[in-house]
Amino acid sequence: MPRPTAAQLAYGTATVVCSTLAMLLLSGTTAGLGIAVIGIAALGLGLLVALTVPANGRTATARTAPAPRPATPPATSAQRSGPRAEARIGQPSLRR
C-alpha cells in the first residue's frame, strides 16, 4: 500500500477539522452521542477526500512524449559574433 503524500494528508486533515466545526455549529448538538456521530462522519469525509486527491502531481500533459531535439546544435557565441569574438580569446573576463 503506497504511503499518502503531503497533499493528501493536508487535504484530509483540513476536511476533518472544517467539517467537524461546521456540523457541530449547524446542528447545535450538546449530547455525547451526537458529537460522536459528527466526529465519525467528519473522519469518514476526511478519508474520502484524502483518497480522492491524486497521488502524483503529474498531469496528462507531463506524461506525453518530449519534443524531439533539433538535429543541429545551437550556435556558440564565437559563431554569432564573428571576428570580434576571436580578438577577445585569451583576454580575462570582466564578468563575475
C-alpha atoms as a PDB file:
ATOM      1  CA  MET A   1       0.000   0.000   0.000  1.00  0.00           C
ATOM      2  CA  PRO A   2       1.559   3.346  -1.011  1.00  0.00           C
ATOM      3  CA  ARG A   3       2.146   5.991   1.614  1.00  0.00           C
ATOM      4  CA  PRO A   4      -0.017   9.128   1.492  1.00  0.00           C
ATOM      5  CA  THR A   5       1.550  12.275   0.115  1.00  0.00           C
ATOM      6  CA  ALA A   6       1.771  15.555   1.991  1.00  0.00           C
ATOM      7  CA  ALA A   7      -1.087  16.968  -0.098  1.00  0.00           C
ATOM      8  CA  GLN A   8      -3.334  14.035   0.772  1.00  0.00           C
ATOM      9  CA  LEU A   9      -2.607  14.435   4.485  1.00  0.00           C
ATOM     10  CA  ALA A  10      -3.179  18.193   4.364  1.00  0.00           C
ATOM     11  CA  TYR A  11      -6.473  17.975   2.458  1.00  0.00           C
ATOM     12  CA  GLY A  12      -7.770  15.162   4.644  1.00  0.00           C
ATOM     13  CA  THR A  13      -6.872  16.955   7.884  1.00  0.00           C
ATOM     14  CA  ALA A  14      -8.365  20.248   6.740  1.00  0.00           C
ATOM     15  CA  THR A  15     -11.541  18.454   5.697  1.00  0.00           C
ATOM     16  CA  VAL A  16     -11.908  16.725   9.068  1.00  0.00           C
ATOM     17  CA  VAL A  17     -11.378  19.927  11.057  1.00  0.00           C
ATOM     18  CA  CYS A  18     -13.586  22.160   8.916  1.00  0.00           C
ATOM     19  CA  SER A  19     -16.408  19.652   8.502  1.00  0.00           C
ATOM     20  CA  THR A  20     -16.437  18.858  12.236  1.00  0.00           C
ATOM     21  CA  LEU A  21     -16.699  22.526  13.164  1.00  0.00           C
ATOM     22  CA  ALA A  22     -19.345  23.196  10.531  1.00  0.00           C
ATOM     23  CA  MET A  23     -21.513  20.231  11.520  1.00  0.00           C
ATOM     24  CA  LEU A  24     -21.235  20.997  15.236  1.00  0.00           C
ATOM     25  CA  LEU A  25     -22.173  24.637  14.692  1.00  0.00           C
ATOM     26  CA  LEU A  26     -25.040  23.836  12.332  1.00  0.00           C
ATOM     27  CA  SER A  27     -26.519  21.009  14.388  1.00  0.00           C
ATOM     28  CA  GLY A  28     -26.201  22.688  17.784  1.00  0.00           C
ATOM     29  CA  THR A  29     -25.984  19.311  19.495  1.00  0.00           C
ATOM     30  CA  THR A  30     -24.621  19.016  23.034  1.00  0.00           C
ATOM     31  CA  ALA A  31     -25.229  15.317  23.569  1.00  0.00           C
ATOM     32  CA  GLY A  32     -22.247  12.980  23.596  1.00  0.00           C
ATOM     33  CA  LEU A  33     -23.800  10.615  21.086  1.00  0.00           C
ATOM     34  CA  GLY A  34     -24.445  13.449  18.605  1.00  0.00           C
ATOM     35  CA  ILE A  35     -20.871  14.707  18.905  1.00  0.00           C
ATOM     36  CA  ALA A  36     -19.533  11.171  18.379  1.00  0.00           C
ATOM     37  CA  VAL A  37     -21.656  10.702  15.251  1.00  0.00           C
ATOM     38  CA  ILE A  38     -20.473  14.026  13.851  1.00  0.00           C
ATOM     39  CA  GLY A  39     -16.846  13.140  14.610  1.00  0.00           C
ATOM     40  CA  ILE A  40     -17.128   9.772  12.867  1.00  0.00           C
ATOM     41  CA  ALA A  41     -18.840  11.383   9.864  1.00  0.00           C
ATOM     42  CA  ALA A  42     -16.087  14.010   9.655  1.00  0.00           C
ATOM     43  CA  LEU A  43     -13.381  11.343   9.802  1.00  0.00           C
ATOM     44  CA  GLY A  44     -15.085   9.414   7.004  1.00  0.00           C
ATOM     45  CA  LEU A  45     -15.378  12.539   4.899  1.00  0.00           C
ATOM     46  CA  GLY A  46     -11.715  13.380   5.508  1.00  0.00           C
ATOM     47  CA  LEU A  47     -10.669   9.883   4.489  1.00  0.00           C
ATOM     48  CA  LEU A  48     -12.751  10.125   1.332  1.00  0.00           C
ATOM     49  CA  VAL A  49     -11.177  13.462   0.400  1.00  0.00           C
ATOM     50  CA  ALA A  50      -7.651  12.216   1.131  1.00  0.00           C
ATOM     51  CA  LEU A  51      -8.147   9.177  -1.081  1.00  0.00           C
ATOM     52  CA  THR A  52      -9.582  11.137  -3.999  1.00  0.00           C
ATOM     53  CA  VAL A  53      -6.677  13.625  -4.165  1.00  0.00           C
ATOM     54  CA  PRO A  54      -4.339  12.450  -6.957  1.00  0.00           C
ATOM     55  CA  ALA A  55      -1.308  10.648  -5.543  1.00  0.00           C
ATOM     56  CA  ASN A  56       1.142  12.082  -8.066  1.00  0.00           C
ATOM     57  CA  GLY A  57       1.394  15.692  -9.149  1.00  0.00           C
ATOM     58  CA  ARG A  58       1.917  14.985 -12.842  1.00  0.00           C
ATOM     59  CA  THR A  59      -0.779  15.993 -15.272  1.00  0.00           C
ATOM     60  CA  ALA A  60      -1.712  14.343 -18.542  1.00  0.00           C
ATOM     61  CA  THR A  61       0.446  16.786 -20.496  1.00  0.00           C
ATOM     62  CA  ALA A  62       3.528  15.889 -18.457  1.00  0.00           C
ATOM     63  CA  ARG A  63       3.144  12.224 -19.416  1.00  0.00           C
ATOM     64  CA  THR A  64       3.305  12.842 -23.149  1.00  0.00           C
ATOM     65  CA  ALA A  65       6.483  12.215 -25.101  1.00  0.00           C
ATOM     66  CA  PRO A  66       9.060  15.006 -25.018  1.00  0.00           C
ATOM     67  CA  ALA A  67       9.563  17.172 -28.071  1.00  0.00           C
ATOM     68  CA  PRO A  68      12.299  15.970 -30.453  1.00  0.00           C
ATOM     69  CA  ARG A  69      15.644  17.744 -30.249  1.00  0.00           C
ATOM     70  CA  PRO A  70      16.904  19.787 -33.195  1.00  0.00           C
ATOM     71  CA  ALA A  71      19.409  17.999 -35.443  1.00  0.00           C
ATOM     72  CA  THR A  72      21.937  20.866 -35.394  1.00  0.00           C
ATOM     73  CA  PRO A  73      23.439  22.258 -32.196  1.00  0.00           C
ATOM     74  CA  PRO A  74      22.754  25.914 -31.373  1.00  0.00           C
ATOM     75  CA  ALA A  75      25.310  28.483 -32.479  1.00  0.00           C
ATOM     76  CA  THR A  76      28.014  29.373 -29.957  1.00  0.00           C
ATOM     77  CA  SER A  77      28.926  32.928 -29.083  1.00  0.00           C
ATOM     78  CA  ALA A  78      32.020  32.776 -31.322  1.00  0.00           C
ATOM     79  CA  GLN A  79      29.898  31.753 -34.297  1.00  0.00           C
ATOM     80  CA  ARG A  80      27.404  34.540 -33.680  1.00  0.00           C
ATOM     81  CA  SER A  81      29.850  37.344 -33.043  1.00  0.00           C
ATOM     82  CA  GLY A  82      32.301  36.680 -35.847  1.00  0.00           C
ATOM     83  CA  PRO A  83      35.819  38.220 -35.835  1.00  0.00           C
ATOM     84  CA  ARG A  84      35.220  40.295 -32.707  1.00  0.00           C
ATOM     85  CA  ALA A  85      34.930  37.136 -30.604  1.00  0.00           C
ATOM     86  CA  GLU A  86      38.261  35.850 -31.978  1.00  0.00           C
ATOM     87  CA  ALA A  87      40.002  39.056 -30.857  1.00  0.00           C
ATOM     88  CA  ARG A  88      38.830  38.519 -27.293  1.00  0.00           C
ATOM     89  CA  ILE A  89      40.154  34.965 -26.944  1.00  0.00           C
ATOM     90  CA  GLY A  90      42.796  34.829 -24.236  1.00  0.00           C
ATOM     91  CA  GLN A  91      41.705  38.037 -22.514  1.00  0.00           C
ATOM     92  CA  PRO A  92      40.414  37.858 -18.941  1.00  0.00           C
ATOM     93  CA  SER A  93      36.711  38.078 -18.403  1.00  0.00           C
ATOM     94  CA  LEU A  94      35.284  41.091 -16.585  1.00  0.00           C
ATOM     95  CA  ARG A  95      32.173  39.200 -15.543  1.00  0.00           C
ATOM     96  CA  ARG A  96      31.916  37.733 -12.076  1.00  0.00           C
END
